[in-house]
Amino acid sequence: MARTLRRTAAFSALWRSMTSGSRGGPSLGRRLGAIPRMIRHSVAGRYDGGARLAAMAAGMVYVVSPIDFVPEALLFVVGLADDAVVVTWLAGAMLSETERFLEWERQRTMVVDGHVAVPRQPSGPQPRQPGGPQARPKRPDATTTDRRRRR
């Protein structure tokens, strides 16, 4: 059941990308450029697409491997049909995975992990600037006058 759903999702992603044209989604060049980054982030463990990338790699190996020549030699049409199914699944899976990765990458740039970035204050005495936060007020306000009276 889950296998059928994944296959259906891959085919529907392929169909959407083929029929959408320039209406939406990343361009093919952006998708192809994202593949090395997707692999790098998956290997480093930052992106969770490792299992899907392994399945896609296995599909590519199957299509080009000599083991695949056996069905083609015995049953010509059936042998080519299984290649067509794997290549179609592979294209759909690659399109949906690159779209998912590009969305992950876009959302990742909006989030700062862990720490709040605070500018460092230079060490040592700071020169006084007129009117700055370290300058003394010209006239004492009520709070400084009250403090002087309490002493």
C-alpha atoms as a PDB file:
ATOM      1  CA  MET A   1       0.000   0.000   0.000  1.00  0.00           C
ATOM      2  CA  ALA A   2       2.730   2.480   1.000  1.00  0.00           C
ATOM      3  CA  ARG A   3       4.726   1.484  -2.058  1.00  0.00           C
ATOM      4  CA  THR A   4       1.770   2.274  -4.316  1.00  0.00           C
ATOM      5  CA  LEU A   5       1.300   5.649  -2.614  1.00  0.00           C
ATOM      6  CA  ARG A   6       4.968   6.536  -3.124  1.00  0.00           C
ATOM      7  CA  ARG A   7       4.815   5.487  -6.745  1.00  0.00           C
ATOM      8  CA  THR A   8       1.642   7.518  -7.243  1.00  0.00           C
ATOM      9  CA  ALA A   9       3.273  10.542  -5.593  1.00  0.00           C
ATOM     10  CA  ALA A  10       6.308  10.232  -7.855  1.00  0.00           C
ATOM     11  CA  PHE A  11       4.179   9.968 -10.978  1.00  0.00           C
ATOM     12  CA  SER A  12       1.986  12.873  -9.934  1.00  0.00           C
ATOM     13  CA  ALA A  13       5.068  15.035  -9.229  1.00  0.00           C
ATOM     14  CA  LEU A  14       6.424  14.157 -12.660  1.00  0.00           C
ATOM     15  CA  TRP A  15       3.103  14.994 -14.283  1.00  0.00           C
ATOM     16  CA  ARG A  16       2.826  18.309 -12.391  1.00  0.00           C
ATOM     17  CA  SER A  17       6.309  19.362 -13.415  1.00  0.00           C
ATOM     18  CA  MET A  18       5.752  18.392 -17.038  1.00  0.00           C
ATOM     19  CA  THR A  19       2.422  20.179 -17.322  1.00  0.00           C
ATOM     20  CA  SER A  20       3.196  23.230 -15.181  1.00  0.00           C
ATOM     21  CA  GLY A  21       5.801  24.737 -17.511  1.00  0.00           C
ATOM     22  CA  SER A  22       6.775  28.136 -16.209  1.00  0.00           C
ATOM     23  CA  ARG A  23       3.727  28.510 -13.946  1.00  0.00           C
ATOM     24  CA  GLY A  24       5.509  27.608 -10.770  1.00  0.00           C
ATOM     25  CA  GLY A  25       8.102  25.557  -9.005  1.00  0.00           C
ATOM     26  CA  PRO A  26      11.838  25.726  -9.389  1.00  0.00           C
ATOM     27  CA  SER A  27      13.393  25.637 -12.832  1.00  0.00           C
ATOM     28  CA  LEU A  28      15.193  22.575 -14.112  1.00  0.00           C
ATOM     29  CA  GLY A  29      18.551  24.360 -13.816  1.00  0.00           C
ATOM     30  CA  ARG A  30      17.876  25.177 -10.155  1.00  0.00           C
ATOM     31  CA  ARG A  31      16.853  21.595  -9.504  1.00  0.00           C
ATOM     32  CA  LEU A  32      19.993  20.197 -11.151  1.00  0.00           C
ATOM     33  CA  GLY A  33      22.142  22.655  -9.221  1.00  0.00           C
ATOM     34  CA  ALA A  34      20.506  21.557  -5.963  1.00  0.00           C
ATOM     35  CA  ILE A  35      21.401  17.873  -6.385  1.00  0.00           C
ATOM     36  CA  PRO A  36      25.045  18.154  -5.184  1.00  0.00           C
ATOM     37  CA  ARG A  37      23.981  20.292  -2.213  1.00  0.00           C
ATOM     38  CA  MET A  38      21.201  17.830  -1.407  1.00  0.00           C
ATOM     39  CA  ILE A  39      23.690  14.939  -1.426  1.00  0.00           C
ATOM     40  CA  ARG A  40      26.173  16.904   0.702  1.00  0.00           C
ATOM     41  CA  HIS A  41      23.544  17.856   3.308  1.00  0.00           C
ATOM     42  CA  SER A  42      22.164  14.287   3.374  1.00  0.00           C
ATOM     43  CA  VAL A  43      25.608  12.766   3.928  1.00  0.00           C
ATOM     44  CA  ALA A  44      26.326  15.316   6.670  1.00  0.00           C
ATOM     45  CA  GLY A  45      23.016  14.424   8.362  1.00  0.00           C
ATOM     46  CA  ARG A  46      21.475  17.890   8.103  1.00  0.00           C
ATOM     47  CA  TYR A  47      18.843  16.858   5.543  1.00  0.00           C
ATOM     48  CA  ASP A  48      16.651  13.770   5.976  1.00  0.00           C
ATOM     49  CA  GLY A  49      16.641  12.668   2.325  1.00  0.00           C
ATOM     50  CA  GLY A  50      19.294   9.956   2.660  1.00  0.00           C
ATOM     51  CA  ALA A  51      16.964   6.978   2.248  1.00  0.00           C
ATOM     52  CA  ARG A  52      15.249   8.506  -0.782  1.00  0.00           C
ATOM     53  CA  LEU A  53      18.602   9.347  -2.373  1.00  0.00           C
ATOM     54  CA  ALA A  54      19.747   5.754  -1.790  1.00  0.00           C
ATOM     55  CA  ALA A  55      16.583   4.439  -3.469  1.00  0.00           C
ATOM     56  CA  MET A  56      17.145   6.764  -6.425  1.00  0.00           C
ATOM     57  CA  ALA A  57      20.773   5.658  -6.692  1.00  0.00           C
ATOM     58  CA  ALA A  58      19.638   2.026  -6.653  1.00  0.00           C
ATOM     59  CA  GLY A  59      17.169   2.790  -9.455  1.00  0.00           C
ATOM     60  CA  MET A  60      19.927   4.384 -11.545  1.00  0.00           C
ATOM     61  CA  VAL A  61      22.231   1.427 -10.923  1.00  0.00           C
ATOM     62  CA  TYR A  62      19.459  -0.972 -11.960  1.00  0.00           C
ATOM     63  CA  VAL A  63      18.841   0.834 -15.233  1.00  0.00           C
ATOM     64  CA  VAL A  64      22.509   0.869 -16.274  1.00  0.00           C
ATOM     65  CA  SER A  65      23.631  -2.442 -14.765  1.00  0.00           C
ATOM     66  CA  PRO A  66      24.323  -5.601 -16.787  1.00  0.00           C
ATOM     67  CA  ILE A  67      21.779  -7.470 -14.629  1.00  0.00           C
ATOM     68  CA  ASP A  68      19.083  -5.427 -16.366  1.00  0.00           C
ATOM     69  CA  PHE A  69      20.111  -6.854 -19.741  1.00  0.00           C
ATOM     70  CA  VAL A  70      18.730 -10.310 -18.813  1.00  0.00           C
ATOM     71  CA  PRO A  71      15.019  -9.314 -18.935  1.00  0.00           C
ATOM     72  CA  GLU A  72      15.671  -7.302 -22.096  1.00  0.00           C
ATOM     73  CA  ALA A  73      17.366 -10.255 -23.809  1.00  0.00           C
ATOM     74  CA  LEU A  74      14.653 -12.753 -22.883  1.00  0.00           C
ATOM     75  CA  LEU A  75      11.544 -10.582 -23.082  1.00  0.00           C
ATOM     76  CA  PHE A  76      12.389  -7.559 -25.205  1.00  0.00           C
ATOM     77  CA  VAL A  77       9.235  -5.478 -24.678  1.00  0.00           C
ATOM     78  CA  VAL A  78       8.833  -6.413 -21.001  1.00  0.00           C
ATOM     79  CA  GLY A  79      12.527  -5.713 -20.392  1.00  0.00           C
ATOM     80  CA  LEU A  80      12.210  -2.237 -21.852  1.00  0.00           C
ATOM     81  CA  ALA A  81       8.934  -1.644 -20.028  1.00  0.00           C
ATOM     82  CA  ASP A  82      10.519  -2.260 -16.631  1.00  0.00           C
ATOM     83  CA  ASP A  83      13.258   0.225 -17.556  1.00  0.00           C
ATOM     84  CA  ALA A  84      10.626   2.760 -18.561  1.00  0.00           C
ATOM     85  CA  VAL A  85       8.819   2.332 -15.246  1.00  0.00           C
ATOM     86  CA  VAL A  86      12.045   2.730 -13.245  1.00  0.00           C
ATOM     87  CA  VAL A  87      13.158   5.779 -15.252  1.00  0.00           C
ATOM     88  CA  THR A  88       9.718   7.375 -14.892  1.00  0.00           C
ATOM     89  CA  TRP A  89       9.724   6.738 -11.148  1.00  0.00           C
ATOM     90  CA  LEU A  90      13.279   8.044 -10.934  1.00  0.00           C
ATOM     91  CA  ALA A  91      12.396  11.271 -12.745  1.00  0.00           C
ATOM     92  CA  GLY A  92       9.339  11.865 -10.582  1.00  0.00           C
ATOM     93  CA  ALA A  93      11.187  11.052  -7.383  1.00  0.00           C
ATOM     94  CA  MET A  94      14.050  13.366  -8.346  1.00  0.00           C
ATOM     95  CA  LEU A  95      11.655  16.200  -9.145  1.00  0.00           C
ATOM     96  CA  SER A  96       9.710  15.859  -5.918  1.00  0.00           C
ATOM     97  CA  GLU A  97      12.847  15.419  -3.803  1.00  0.00           C
ATOM     98  CA  THR A  98      14.638  18.426  -5.290  1.00  0.00           C
ATOM     99  CA  GLU A  99      11.523  20.528  -4.780  1.00  0.00           C
ATOM    100  CA  ARG A 100      11.321  19.360  -1.179  1.00  0.00           C
ATOM    101  CA  PHE A 101      15.042  20.074  -0.678  1.00  0.00           C
ATOM    102  CA  LEU A 102      14.813  23.570  -2.149  1.00  0.00           C
ATOM    103  CA  GLU A 103      11.869  24.316   0.151  1.00  0.00           C
ATOM    104  CA  TRP A 104      13.878  22.971   3.119  1.00  0.00           C
ATOM    105  CA  GLU A 105      16.815  25.124   2.093  1.00  0.00           C
ATOM    106  CA  ARG A 106      14.594  28.207   1.780  1.00  0.00           C
ATOM    107  CA  GLN A 107      13.060  27.659   5.215  1.00  0.00           C
ATOM    108  CA  ARG A 108      16.443  26.898   6.720  1.00  0.00           C
ATOM    109  CA  THR A 109      17.760  30.335   5.787  1.00  0.00           C
ATOM    110  CA  MET A 110      14.908  31.933   7.734  1.00  0.00           C
ATOM    111  CA  VAL A 111      15.820  30.161  10.982  1.00  0.00           C
ATOM    112  CA  VAL A 112      18.866  30.883  13.107  1.00  0.00           C
ATOM    113  CA  ASP A 113      19.897  27.769  14.997  1.00  0.00           C
ATOM    114  CA  GLY A 114      20.516  28.069  18.708  1.00  0.00           C
ATOM    115  CA  HIS A 115      22.044  31.401  19.632  1.00  0.00           C
ATOM    116  CA  VAL A 116      21.051  35.015  19.520  1.00  0.00           C
ATOM    117  CA  ALA A 117      23.547  37.091  17.604  1.00  0.00           C
ATOM    118  CA  VAL A 118      24.664  40.001  19.799  1.00  0.00           C
ATOM    119  CA  PRO A 119      27.333  42.394  18.585  1.00  0.00           C
ATOM    120  CA  ARG A 120      30.478  42.231  20.674  1.00  0.00           C
ATOM    121  CA  GLN A 121      31.335  45.251  22.745  1.00  0.00           C
ATOM    122  CA  PRO A 122      34.936  46.365  22.376  1.00  0.00           C
ATOM    123  CA  SER A 123      36.976  45.896  25.547  1.00  0.00           C
ATOM    124  CA  GLY A 124      38.764  48.697  27.367  1.00  0.00           C
ATOM    125  CA  PRO A 125      37.708  52.236  28.186  1.00  0.00           C
ATOM    126  CA  GLN A 126      35.491  53.913  25.671  1.00  0.00           C
ATOM    127  CA  PRO A 127      35.912  57.557  24.715  1.00  0.00           C
ATOM    128  CA  ARG A 128      33.055  59.735  25.876  1.00  0.00           C
ATOM    129  CA  GLN A 129      30.890  61.138  23.176  1.00  0.00           C
ATOM    130  CA  PRO A 130      28.811  64.226  23.739  1.00  0.00           C
ATOM    131  CA  GLY A 131      25.189  63.320  24.199  1.00  0.00           C
ATOM    132  CA  GLY A 132      25.976  59.588  24.183  1.00  0.00           C
ATOM    133  CA  PRO A 133      24.863  57.081  26.825  1.00  0.00           C
ATOM    134  CA  GLN A 134      28.021  57.689  28.896  1.00  0.00           C
ATOM    135  CA  ALA A 135      27.712  61.477  28.951  1.00  0.00           C
ATOM    136  CA  ARG A 136      26.596  63.084  32.211  1.00  0.00           C
ATOM    137  CA  PRO A 137      23.314  64.937  32.205  1.00  0.00           C
ATOM    138  CA  LYS A 138      23.663  68.706  32.327  1.00  0.00           C
ATOM    139  CA  ARG A 139      20.967  69.127  34.958  1.00  0.00           C
ATOM    140  CA  PRO A 140      20.238  66.494  37.566  1.00  0.00           C
ATOM    141  CA  ASP A 141      16.811  64.997  37.275  1.00  0.00           C
ATOM    142  CA  ALA A 142      14.585  64.136  40.193  1.00  0.00           C
ATOM    143  CA  THR A 143      15.967  60.629  40.705  1.00  0.00           C
ATOM    144  CA  THR A 144      19.593  61.752  41.013  1.00  0.00           C
ATOM    145  CA  THR A 145      18.574  64.605  43.350  1.00  0.00           C
ATOM    146  CA  ASP A 146      16.646  62.151  45.550  1.00  0.00           C
ATOM    147  CA  ARG A 147      19.662  59.842  45.751  1.00  0.00           C
ATOM    148  CA  ARG A 148      21.911  62.705  46.842  1.00  0.00           C
ATOM    149  CA  ARG A 149      19.497  63.737  49.600  1.00  0.00           C
ATOM    150  CA  ARG A 150      19.295  60.195  51.007  1.00  0.00           C
ATOM    151  CA  ARG A 151      23.057  60.000  51.609  1.00  0.00           C
END
